[in-house]
Amino acid sequence: MYTLVLGILLVLLKYFEVSPVVAWSWWWVLSPFAVSAAWWTWADASGHSKRKAMEKMEQRRKDRLNKSREALGRSTPRRR
């Protein structure tokens, strides 16, 4: 995500002809977009994105259960 923001910033600086960036090649200005594409490709192919989404859903489920337990007056689950 940071590389995408950096790429947009560099394109804007190049477009508005800001001093150091105007002299750079377009290859350097557009390279953060290639890095972003490579990162997203790797994250999807390796399962990194799916794993992070599953961890987030699991934490939301645990938070929801703890909130329900507190509402019932039981802060810890009973042992069976």
PDB file of N, CA and C in Angstrom:
ATOM      1  N   MET A   1       0.826  -1.191   0.000  1.00  0.00           N
ATOM      2  CA  MET A   1       0.000   0.000   0.000  1.00  0.00           C
ATOM      3  C   MET A   1       0.871   1.255   0.000  1.00  0.00           C
ATOM      4  N   TYR A   2       1.954   1.202   0.766  1.00  0.00           N
ATOM      5  CA  TYR A   2       2.838   2.362   0.815  1.00  0.00           C
ATOM      6  C   TYR A   2       3.484   2.635  -0.536  1.00  0.00           C
ATOM      7  N   THR A   3       3.827   1.574  -1.248  1.00  0.00           N
ATOM      8  CA  THR A   3       4.449   1.769  -2.551  1.00  0.00           C
ATOM      9  C   THR A   3       3.457   2.347  -3.559  1.00  0.00           C
ATOM     10  N   LEU A   4       2.195   2.010  -3.402  1.00  0.00           N
ATOM     11  CA  LEU A   4       1.175   2.579  -4.290  1.00  0.00           C
ATOM     12  C   LEU A   4       1.045   4.079  -4.052  1.00  0.00           C
ATOM     13  N   VAL A   5       1.014   4.491  -2.791  1.00  0.00           N
ATOM     14  CA  VAL A   5       0.935   5.916  -2.451  1.00  0.00           C
ATOM     15  C   VAL A   5       2.191   6.636  -2.939  1.00  0.00           C
ATOM     16  N   LEU A   6       3.352   6.005  -2.765  1.00  0.00           N
ATOM     17  CA  LEU A   6       4.599   6.595  -3.247  1.00  0.00           C
ATOM     18  C   LEU A   6       4.570   6.764  -4.772  1.00  0.00           C
ATOM     19  N   GLY A   7       4.060   5.773  -5.478  1.00  0.00           N
ATOM     20  CA  GLY A   7       3.954   5.859  -6.934  1.00  0.00           C
ATOM     21  C   GLY A   7       3.058   7.002  -7.375  1.00  0.00           C
ATOM     22  N   ILE A   8       1.920   7.155  -6.718  1.00  0.00           N
ATOM     23  CA  ILE A   8       1.004   8.249  -7.056  1.00  0.00           C
ATOM     24  C   ILE A   8       1.664   9.594  -6.778  1.00  0.00           C
ATOM     25  N   LEU A   9       2.356   9.689  -5.649  1.00  0.00           N
ATOM     26  CA  LEU A   9       3.045  10.927  -5.305  1.00  0.00           C
ATOM     27  C   LEU A   9       4.131  11.259  -6.335  1.00  0.00           C
ATOM     28  N   LEU A  10       4.902  10.264  -6.733  1.00  0.00           N
ATOM     29  CA  LEU A  10       5.952  10.510  -7.722  1.00  0.00           C
ATOM     30  C   LEU A  10       5.378  10.910  -9.079  1.00  0.00           C
ATOM     31  N   VAL A  11       4.277  10.301  -9.494  1.00  0.00           N
ATOM     32  CA  VAL A  11       3.644  10.681 -10.760  1.00  0.00           C
ATOM     33  C   VAL A  11       3.151  12.126 -10.695  1.00  0.00           C
ATOM     34  N   LEU A  12       2.553  12.501  -9.576  1.00  0.00           N
ATOM     35  CA  LEU A  12       2.087  13.886  -9.431  1.00  0.00           C
ATOM     36  C   LEU A  12       3.261  14.868  -9.444  1.00  0.00           C
ATOM     37  N   LEU A  13       4.339  14.516  -8.750  1.00  0.00           N
ATOM     38  CA  LEU A  13       5.505  15.392  -8.746  1.00  0.00           C
ATOM     39  C   LEU A  13       6.107  15.523 -10.147  1.00  0.00           C
ATOM     40  N   LYS A  14       6.129  14.433 -10.889  1.00  0.00           N
ATOM     41  CA  LYS A  14       6.643  14.471 -12.260  1.00  0.00           C
ATOM     42  C   LYS A  14       5.713  15.297 -13.162  1.00  0.00           C
ATOM     43  N   TYR A  15       4.414  15.123 -12.996  1.00  0.00           N
ATOM     44  CA  TYR A  15       3.436  15.840 -13.818  1.00  0.00           C
ATOM     45  C   TYR A  15       3.517  17.349 -13.576  1.00  0.00           C
ATOM     46  N   PHE A  16       3.651  17.742 -12.303  1.00  0.00           N
ATOM     47  CA  PHE A  16       3.713  19.166 -11.964  1.00  0.00           C
ATOM     48  C   PHE A  16       5.132  19.722 -12.015  1.00  0.00           C
ATOM     49  N   GLU A  17       6.061  18.928 -12.530  1.00  0.00           N
ATOM     50  CA  GLU A  17       7.434  19.325 -12.770  1.00  0.00           C
ATOM     51  C   GLU A  17       8.119  19.892 -11.530  1.00  0.00           C
ATOM     52  N   VAL A  18       8.050  19.143 -10.448  1.00  0.00           N
ATOM     53  CA  VAL A  18       8.736  19.527  -9.221  1.00  0.00           C
ATOM     54  C   VAL A  18      10.215  19.190  -9.381  1.00  0.00           C
ATOM     55  N   SER A  19      11.061  20.041  -8.875  1.00  0.00           N
ATOM     56  CA  SER A  19      12.494  20.089  -9.140  1.00  0.00           C
ATOM     57  C   SER A  19      13.248  18.759  -9.257  1.00  0.00           C
ATOM     58  N   PRO A  20      13.419  17.954  -8.230  1.00  0.00           N
ATOM     59  CA  PRO A  20      14.288  16.791  -8.447  1.00  0.00           C
ATOM     60  C   PRO A  20      13.636  15.693  -9.284  1.00  0.00           C
ATOM     61  N   VAL A  21      12.329  15.569  -9.210  1.00  0.00           N
ATOM     62  CA  VAL A  21      11.641  14.458  -9.867  1.00  0.00           C
ATOM     63  C   VAL A  21      11.512  14.679 -11.371  1.00  0.00           C
ATOM     64  N   VAL A  22      11.477  15.899 -11.802  1.00  0.00           N
ATOM     65  CA  VAL A  22      11.294  16.175 -13.227  1.00  0.00           C
ATOM     66  C   VAL A  22      12.472  15.657 -14.046  1.00  0.00           C
ATOM     67  N   ALA A  23      13.636  15.554 -13.453  1.00  0.00           N
ATOM     68  CA  ALA A  23      14.819  15.077 -14.177  1.00  0.00           C
ATOM     69  C   ALA A  23      14.905  13.551 -14.215  1.00  0.00           C
ATOM     70  N   TRP A  24      14.115  12.882 -13.408  1.00  0.00           N
ATOM     71  CA  TRP A  24      14.166  11.419 -13.337  1.00  0.00           C
ATOM     72  C   TRP A  24      13.494  10.807 -14.563  1.00  0.00           C
ATOM     73  N   SER A  25      13.930   9.608 -14.891  1.00  0.00           N
ATOM     74  CA  SER A  25      13.309   8.848 -15.963  1.00  0.00           C
ATOM     75  C   SER A  25      11.931   8.366 -15.510  1.00  0.00           C
ATOM     76  N   TRP A  26      11.035   8.165 -16.488  1.00  0.00           N
ATOM     77  CA  TRP A  26       9.710   7.649 -16.152  1.00  0.00           C
ATOM     78  C   TRP A  26       9.800   6.246 -15.552  1.00  0.00           C
ATOM     79  N   TRP A  27      10.843   5.502 -15.903  1.00  0.00           N
ATOM     80  CA  TRP A  27      11.017   4.157 -15.325  1.00  0.00           C
ATOM     81  C   TRP A  27      11.156   4.228 -13.811  1.00  0.00           C
ATOM     82  N   TRP A  28      11.899   5.199 -13.304  1.00  0.00           N
ATOM     83  CA  TRP A  28      12.053   5.339 -11.853  1.00  0.00           C
ATOM     84  C   TRP A  28      10.758   5.821 -11.201  1.00  0.00           C
ATOM     85  N   VAL A  29      10.057   6.695 -11.895  1.00  0.00           N
ATOM     86  CA  VAL A  29       8.815   7.247 -11.341  1.00  0.00           C
ATOM     87  C   VAL A  29       7.734   6.163 -11.258  1.00  0.00           C
ATOM     88  N   LEU A  30       7.692   5.285 -12.260  1.00  0.00           N
ATOM     89  CA  LEU A  30       6.646   4.257 -12.293  1.00  0.00           C
ATOM     90  C   LEU A  30       7.045   2.959 -11.595  1.00  0.00           C
ATOM     91  N   SER A  31       8.274   2.834 -11.151  1.00  0.00           N
ATOM     92  CA  SER A  31       8.730   1.587 -10.520  1.00  0.00           C
ATOM     93  C   SER A  31       7.971   1.210  -9.241  1.00  0.00           C
ATOM     94  N   PRO A  32       7.493   2.152  -8.407  1.00  0.00           N
ATOM     95  CA  PRO A  32       6.706   1.732  -7.243  1.00  0.00           C
ATOM     96  C   PRO A  32       5.424   0.971  -7.608  1.00  0.00           C
ATOM     97  N   PHE A  33       4.856   1.254  -8.783  1.00  0.00           N
ATOM     98  CA  PHE A  33       3.669   0.511  -9.211  1.00  0.00           C
ATOM     99  C   PHE A  33       4.018  -0.940  -9.527  1.00  0.00           C
ATOM    100  N   ALA A  34       5.185  -1.160 -10.102  1.00  0.00           N
ATOM    101  CA  ALA A  34       5.634  -2.528 -10.374  1.00  0.00           C
ATOM    102  C   ALA A  34       5.893  -3.286  -9.074  1.00  0.00           C
ATOM    103  N   VAL A  35       6.460  -2.596  -8.098  1.00  0.00           N
ATOM    104  CA  VAL A  35       6.695  -3.220  -6.785  1.00  0.00           C
ATOM    105  C   VAL A  35       5.360  -3.579  -6.128  1.00  0.00           C
ATOM    106  N   SER A  36       4.387  -2.695  -6.223  1.00  0.00           N
ATOM    107  CA  SER A  36       3.054  -2.972  -5.657  1.00  0.00           C
ATOM    108  C   SER A  36       2.407  -4.176  -6.331  1.00  0.00           C
ATOM    109  N   ALA A  37       2.503  -4.237  -7.637  1.00  0.00           N
ATOM    110  CA  ALA A  37       1.922  -5.363  -8.370  1.00  0.00           C
ATOM    111  C   ALA A  37       2.605  -6.671  -7.987  1.00  0.00           C
ATOM    112  N   ALA A  38       3.927  -6.637  -7.841  1.00  0.00           N
ATOM    113  CA  ALA A  38       4.660  -7.838  -7.434  1.00  0.00           C
ATOM    114  C   ALA A  38       4.266  -8.261  -6.025  1.00  0.00           C
ATOM    115  N   TRP A  39       4.106  -7.304  -5.119  1.00  0.00           N
ATOM    116  CA  TRP A  39       3.707  -7.622  -3.748  1.00  0.00           C
ATOM    117  C   TRP A  39       2.318  -8.262  -3.724  1.00  0.00           C
ATOM    118  N   TRP A  40       1.364  -7.681  -4.430  1.00  0.00           N
ATOM    119  CA  TRP A  40       0.009  -8.221  -4.426  1.00  0.00           C
ATOM    120  C   TRP A  40      -0.039  -9.600  -5.068  1.00  0.00           C
ATOM    121  N   THR A  41       0.741  -9.794  -6.105  1.00  0.00           N
ATOM    122  CA  THR A  41       0.797 -11.109  -6.743  1.00  0.00           C
ATOM    123  C   THR A  41       1.341 -12.148  -5.774  1.00  0.00           C
ATOM    124  N   TRP A  42       2.423 -11.812  -5.080  1.00  0.00           N
ATOM    125  CA  TRP A  42       3.007 -12.737  -4.116  1.00  0.00           C
ATOM    126  C   TRP A  42       2.048 -13.000  -2.955  1.00  0.00           C
ATOM    127  N   ALA A  43       1.426 -11.945  -2.426  1.00  0.00           N
ATOM    128  CA  ALA A  43       0.532 -12.085  -1.275  1.00  0.00           C
ATOM    129  C   ALA A  43      -0.660 -12.979  -1.610  1.00  0.00           C
ATOM    130  N   ASP A  44      -1.198 -12.844  -2.798  1.00  0.00           N
ATOM    131  CA  ASP A  44      -2.326 -13.681  -3.199  1.00  0.00           C
ATOM    132  C   ASP A  44      -1.896 -15.114  -3.481  1.00  0.00           C
ATOM    133  N   ALA A  45      -0.757 -15.276  -4.128  1.00  0.00           N
ATOM    134  CA  ALA A  45      -0.296 -16.615  -4.489  1.00  0.00           C
ATOM    135  C   ALA A  45       0.152 -17.422  -3.272  1.00  0.00           C
ATOM    136  N   SER A  46       0.736 -16.758  -2.285  1.00  0.00           N
ATOM    137  CA  SER A  46       1.251 -17.469  -1.115  1.00  0.00           C
ATOM    138  C   SER A  46       0.183 -17.701  -0.049  1.00  0.00           C
ATOM    139  N   GLY A  47      -0.958 -17.061  -0.170  1.00  0.00           N
ATOM    140  CA  GLY A  47      -2.001 -17.207   0.831  1.00  0.00           C
ATOM    141  C   GLY A  47      -1.882 -16.209   1.969  1.00  0.00           C
ATOM    142  N   HIS A  48      -0.963 -15.281   1.855  1.00  0.00           N
ATOM    143  CA  HIS A  48      -0.753 -14.285   2.906  1.00  0.00           C
ATOM    144  C   HIS A  48      -2.016 -13.465   3.149  1.00  0.00           C
ATOM    145  N   SER A  49      -2.659 -13.011   2.085  1.00  0.00           N
ATOM    146  CA  SER A  49      -3.868 -12.190   2.207  1.00  0.00           C
ATOM    147  C   SER A  49      -4.996 -12.976   2.870  1.00  0.00           C
ATOM    148  N   LYS A  50      -5.194 -14.205   2.441  1.00  0.00           N
ATOM    149  CA  LYS A  50      -6.262 -15.036   2.995  1.00  0.00           C
ATOM    150  C   LYS A  50      -6.005 -15.332   4.466  1.00  0.00           C
ATOM    151  N   ARG A  51      -4.741 -15.612   4.808  1.00  0.00           N
ATOM    152  CA  ARG A  51      -4.390 -15.918   6.194  1.00  0.00           C
ATOM    153  C   ARG A  51      -4.659 -14.716   7.097  1.00  0.00           C
ATOM    154  N   LYS A  52      -4.296 -13.523   6.646  1.00  0.00           N
ATOM    155  CA  LYS A  52      -4.543 -12.312   7.431  1.00  0.00           C
ATOM    156  C   LYS A  52      -6.044 -12.065   7.589  1.00  0.00           C
ATOM    157  N   ALA A  53      -6.814 -12.321   6.551  1.00  0.00           N
ATOM    158  CA  ALA A  53      -8.265 -12.144   6.636  1.00  0.00           C
ATOM    159  C   ALA A  53      -8.870 -13.142   7.621  1.00  0.00           C
ATOM    160  N   MET A  54      -8.381 -14.377   7.617  1.00  0.00           N
ATOM    161  CA  MET A  54      -8.885 -15.397   8.549  1.00  0.00           C
ATOM    162  C   MET A  54      -8.527 -15.034   9.992  1.00  0.00           C
ATOM    163  N   GLU A  55      -7.317 -14.532  10.224  1.00  0.00           N
ATOM    164  CA  GLU A  55      -6.917 -14.110  11.562  1.00  0.00           C
ATOM    165  C   GLU A  55      -7.795 -12.972  12.057  1.00  0.00           C
ATOM    166  N   LYS A  56      -8.115 -12.050  11.177  1.00  0.00           N
ATOM    167  CA  LYS A  56      -8.966 -10.920  11.540  1.00  0.00           C
ATOM    168  C   LYS A  56     -10.377 -11.392  11.886  1.00  0.00           C
ATOM    169  N   MET A  57     -10.923 -12.320  11.098  1.00  0.00           N
ATOM    170  CA  MET A  57     -12.263 -12.850  11.381  1.00  0.00           C
ATOM    171  C   MET A  57     -12.273 -13.623  12.695  1.00  0.00           C
ATOM    172  N   GLU A  58     -11.218 -14.383  12.970  1.00  0.00           N
ATOM    173  CA  GLU A  58     -11.131 -15.146  14.214  1.00  0.00           C
ATOM    174  C   GLU A  58     -11.072 -14.210  15.420  1.00  0.00           C
ATOM    175  N   GLN A  59     -10.323 -13.128  15.306  1.00  0.00           N
ATOM    176  CA  GLN A  59     -10.249 -12.166  16.409  1.00  0.00           C
ATOM    177  C   GLN A  59     -11.598 -11.485  16.626  1.00  0.00           C
ATOM    178  N   ARG A  60     -12.302 -11.161  15.556  1.00  0.00           N
ATOM    179  CA  ARG A  60     -13.636 -10.564  15.697  1.00  0.00           C
ATOM    180  C   ARG A  60     -14.596 -11.524  16.377  1.00  0.00           C
ATOM    181  N   ARG A  61     -14.492 -12.822  16.032  1.00  0.00           N
ATOM    182  CA  ARG A  61     -15.339 -13.828  16.655  1.00  0.00           C
ATOM    183  C   ARG A  61     -15.045 -13.930  18.144  1.00  0.00           C
ATOM    184  N   LYS A  62     -13.777 -13.942  18.514  1.00  0.00           N
ATOM    185  CA  LYS A  62     -13.408 -14.021  19.929  1.00  0.00           C
ATOM    186  C   LYS A  62     -13.877 -12.782  20.691  1.00  0.00           C
ATOM    187  N   ASP A  63     -13.725 -11.622  20.082  1.00  0.00           N
ATOM    188  CA  ASP A  63     -14.190 -10.393  20.725  1.00  0.00           C
ATOM    189  C   ASP A  63     -15.701 -10.414  20.931  1.00  0.00           C
ATOM    190  N   ARG A  64     -16.423 -10.923  19.930  1.00  0.00           N
ATOM    191  CA  ARG A  64     -17.882 -11.008  20.027  1.00  0.00           C
ATOM    192  C   ARG A  64     -18.287 -11.975  21.146  1.00  0.00           C
ATOM    193  N   LEU A  65     -17.598 -13.112  21.248  1.00  0.00           N
ATOM    194  CA  LEU A  65     -17.893 -14.065  22.315  1.00  0.00           C
ATOM    195  C   LEU A  65     -17.603 -13.478  23.689  1.00  0.00           C
ATOM    196  N   ASN A  66     -16.474 -12.799  23.817  1.00  0.00           N
ATOM    197  CA  ASN A  66     -16.137 -12.189  25.105  1.00  0.00           C
ATOM    198  C   ASN A  66     -17.135 -11.108  25.490  1.00  0.00           C
ATOM    199  N   LYS A  67     -17.588 -10.344  24.522  1.00  0.00           N
ATOM    200  CA  LYS A  67     -18.587  -9.307  24.795  1.00  0.00           C
ATOM    201  C   LYS A  67     -19.901  -9.942  25.263  1.00  0.00           C
ATOM    202  N   SER A  68     -20.293 -11.046  24.637  1.00  0.00           N
ATOM    203  CA  SER A  68     -21.522 -11.745  25.038  1.00  0.00           C
ATOM    204  C   SER A  68     -21.382 -12.318  26.443  1.00  0.00           C
ATOM    205  N   ARG A  69     -20.222 -12.883  26.749  1.00  0.00           N
ATOM    206  CA  ARG A  69     -19.990 -13.434  28.090  1.00  0.00           C
ATOM    207  C   ARG A  69     -20.042 -12.350  29.148  1.00  0.00           C
ATOM    208  N   GLU A  70     -19.446 -11.217  28.868  1.00  0.00           N
ATOM    209  CA  GLU A  70     -19.481 -10.119  29.823  1.00  0.00           C
ATOM    210  C   GLU A  70     -20.904  -9.616  30.023  1.00  0.00           C
ATOM    211  N   ALA A  71     -21.698  -9.596  28.966  1.00  0.00           N
ATOM    212  CA  ALA A  71     -23.084  -9.155  29.075  1.00  0.00           C
ATOM    213  C   ALA A  71     -23.900 -10.122  29.933  1.00  0.00           C
ATOM    214  N   LEU A  72     -23.520 -11.407  29.913  1.00  0.00           N
ATOM    215  CA  LEU A  72     -24.222 -12.403  30.733  1.00  0.00           C
ATOM    216  C   LEU A  72     -23.686 -12.463  32.156  1.00  0.00           C
ATOM    217  N   GLY A  73     -22.587 -11.771  32.403  1.00  0.00           N
ATOM    218  CA  GLY A  73     -22.029 -11.759  33.746  1.00  0.00           C
ATOM    219  C   GLY A  73     -20.956 -12.811  33.963  1.00  0.00           C
ATOM    220  N   ARG A  74     -20.539 -13.485  32.931  1.00  0.00           N
ATOM    221  CA  ARG A  74     -19.478 -14.486  33.035  1.00  0.00           C
ATOM    222  C   ARG A  74     -18.290 -14.000  32.224  1.00  0.00           C
ATOM    223  N   SER A  75     -17.205 -13.681  32.924  1.00  0.00           N
ATOM    224  CA  SER A  75     -16.065 -13.152  32.199  1.00  0.00           C
ATOM    225  C   SER A  75     -15.171 -14.250  31.645  1.00  0.00           C
ATOM    226  N   THR A  76     -15.215 -15.439  32.250  1.00  0.00           N
ATOM    227  CA  THR A  76     -14.409 -16.559  31.744  1.00  0.00           C
ATOM    228  C   THR A  76     -15.317 -17.721  31.422  1.00  0.00           C
ATOM    229  N   PRO A  77     -14.968 -18.508  30.426  1.00  0.00           N
ATOM    230  CA  PRO A  77     -15.795 -19.673  30.091  1.00  0.00           C
ATOM    231  C   PRO A  77     -15.689 -20.750  31.168  1.00  0.00           C
ATOM    232  N   ARG A  78     -16.761 -21.501  31.342  1.00  0.00           N
ATOM    233  CA  ARG A  78     -16.766 -22.586  32.330  1.00  0.00           C
ATOM    234  C   ARG A  78     -15.985 -23.775  31.818  1.00  0.00           C
ATOM    235  N   ARG A  79     -15.428 -24.514  32.755  1.00  0.00           N
ATOM    236  CA  ARG A  79     -14.756 -25.758  32.400  1.00  0.00           C
ATOM    237  C   ARG A  79     -15.794 -26.865  32.341  1.00  0.00           C
ATOM    238  N   ARG A  80     -15.614 -27.769  31.443  1.00  0.00           N
ATOM    239  CA  ARG A  80     -16.571 -28.870  31.309  1.00  0.00           C
ATOM    240  C   ARG A  80     -15.995 -30.129  31.845  1.00  0.00           C
TER     241      ARG A  80
END
